[in-house]
């Protein structure tokens, strides 16, 4: 039983979502990360457009938009 649960956990830990990542301009140090989640029918490209306006006011912030 333990082996079966461990295999399930191992497969969950290696799962990775495709994401759009918007990094700060001018190679600024990243001090904050905002994860932006889209709604039903959207994708990471839709929600990442919001970050373009926000990053002007948050220069040390990276935005992650999982798909």
C-alpha atoms as a PDB file:
ATOM      1  CA  UNK A   1       0.000   0.000   0.000  1.00  0.00           C
ATOM      2  CA  UNK A   2       2.774   2.452   0.912  1.00  0.00           C
ATOM      3  CA  UNK A   3       4.582   1.735  -2.366  1.00  0.00           C
ATOM      4  CA  UNK A   4       1.433   2.469  -4.375  1.00  0.00           C
ATOM      5  CA  UNK A   5       0.835   5.800  -2.586  1.00  0.00           C
ATOM      6  CA  UNK A   6       4.500   6.757  -2.947  1.00  0.00           C
ATOM      7  CA  UNK A   7       4.327   6.168  -6.722  1.00  0.00           C
ATOM      8  CA  UNK A   8       1.245   8.365  -6.989  1.00  0.00           C
ATOM      9  CA  UNK A   9       2.921  11.128  -4.977  1.00  0.00           C
ATOM     10  CA  UNK A  10       6.090  10.894  -7.087  1.00  0.00           C
ATOM     11  CA  UNK A  11       4.091  11.299 -10.287  1.00  0.00           C
ATOM     12  CA  UNK A  12       2.241  14.315  -8.844  1.00  0.00           C
ATOM     13  CA  UNK A  13       5.464  15.994  -7.778  1.00  0.00           C
ATOM     14  CA  UNK A  14       6.929  15.808 -11.278  1.00  0.00           C
ATOM     15  CA  UNK A  15       3.798  17.176 -12.997  1.00  0.00           C
ATOM     16  CA  UNK A  16       4.335  20.645 -14.448  1.00  0.00           C
ATOM     17  CA  UNK A  17       1.882  23.024 -16.097  1.00  0.00           C
ATOM     18  CA  UNK A  18       2.735  24.926 -19.232  1.00  0.00           C
ATOM     19  CA  UNK A  19       2.938  28.555 -18.175  1.00  0.00           C
ATOM     20  CA  UNK A  20       3.500  32.018 -19.553  1.00  0.00           C
ATOM     21  CA  UNK A  21       6.081  33.766 -17.383  1.00  0.00           C
ATOM     22  CA  UNK A  22       6.534  37.524 -17.515  1.00  0.00           C
ATOM     23  CA  UNK A  23       9.782  38.593 -15.887  1.00  0.00           C
ATOM     24  CA  UNK A  24      10.684  42.079 -14.656  1.00  0.00           C
ATOM     25  CA  UNK A  25      12.284  44.421 -17.154  1.00  0.00           C
ATOM     26  CA  UNK A  26      15.973  45.315 -17.071  1.00  0.00           C
ATOM     27  CA  UNK A  27      16.883  42.137 -15.193  1.00  0.00           C
ATOM     28  CA  UNK A  28      15.630  43.543 -11.896  1.00  0.00           C
ATOM     29  CA  UNK A  29      15.813  41.268  -8.869  1.00  0.00           C
ATOM     30  CA  UNK A  30      12.590  39.322  -8.420  1.00  0.00           C
ATOM     31  CA  UNK A  31      11.141  40.058  -4.987  1.00  0.00           C
ATOM     32  CA  UNK A  32       7.493  39.141  -5.628  1.00  0.00           C
ATOM     33  CA  UNK A  33       5.633  36.571  -7.685  1.00  0.00           C
ATOM     34  CA  UNK A  34       1.993  36.801  -8.684  1.00  0.00           C
ATOM     35  CA  UNK A  35       0.266  33.690 -10.018  1.00  0.00           C
ATOM     36  CA  UNK A  36      -2.607  34.703 -12.280  1.00  0.00           C
ATOM     37  CA  UNK A  37      -5.302  32.088 -12.898  1.00  0.00           C
ATOM     38  CA  UNK A  38      -7.664  32.297 -15.878  1.00  0.00           C
ATOM     39  CA  UNK A  39     -11.312  31.332 -15.900  1.00  0.00           C
ATOM     40  CA  UNK A  40     -13.196  28.703 -17.847  1.00  0.00           C
ATOM     41  CA  UNK A  41     -12.520  28.977 -21.571  1.00  0.00           C
ATOM     42  CA  UNK A  42      -9.485  31.235 -21.169  1.00  0.00           C
ATOM     43  CA  UNK A  43      -5.806  30.475 -21.426  1.00  0.00           C
ATOM     44  CA  UNK A  44      -2.519  31.833 -20.128  1.00  0.00           C
ATOM     45  CA  UNK A  45      -2.189  34.262 -23.039  1.00  0.00           C
ATOM     46  CA  UNK A  46      -5.500  35.949 -22.157  1.00  0.00           C
ATOM     47  CA  UNK A  47      -4.667  36.551 -18.504  1.00  0.00           C
ATOM     48  CA  UNK A  48      -1.016  37.472 -19.146  1.00  0.00           C
ATOM     49  CA  UNK A  49      -2.156  40.654 -20.925  1.00  0.00           C
ATOM     50  CA  UNK A  50      -3.178  42.087 -17.539  1.00  0.00           C
ATOM     51  CA  UNK A  51       0.362  41.752 -16.270  1.00  0.00           C
ATOM     52  CA  UNK A  52       1.664  44.087 -18.983  1.00  0.00           C
ATOM     53  CA  UNK A  53      -0.102  47.011 -17.303  1.00  0.00           C
ATOM     54  CA  UNK A  54       0.635  45.870 -13.758  1.00  0.00           C
ATOM     55  CA  UNK A  55       4.374  45.390 -14.231  1.00  0.00           C
ATOM     56  CA  UNK A  56       4.873  49.138 -14.707  1.00  0.00           C
ATOM     57  CA  UNK A  57       3.756  49.638 -11.109  1.00  0.00           C
ATOM     58  CA  UNK A  58       5.487  46.519  -9.730  1.00  0.00           C
ATOM     59  CA  UNK A  59       9.029  46.548 -11.162  1.00  0.00           C
ATOM     60  CA  UNK A  60      10.405  43.670  -9.054  1.00  0.00           C
ATOM     61  CA  UNK A  61       7.516  41.285  -9.684  1.00  0.00           C
ATOM     62  CA  UNK A  62       7.358  38.201 -11.897  1.00  0.00           C
ATOM     63  CA  UNK A  63       3.974  37.046 -13.176  1.00  0.00           C
ATOM     64  CA  UNK A  64       3.219  33.360 -13.743  1.00  0.00           C
ATOM     65  CA  UNK A  65       0.170  32.468 -15.812  1.00  0.00           C
ATOM     66  CA  UNK A  66      -0.393  28.688 -15.890  1.00  0.00           C
ATOM     67  CA  UNK A  67      -2.352  27.283 -18.785  1.00  0.00           C
END
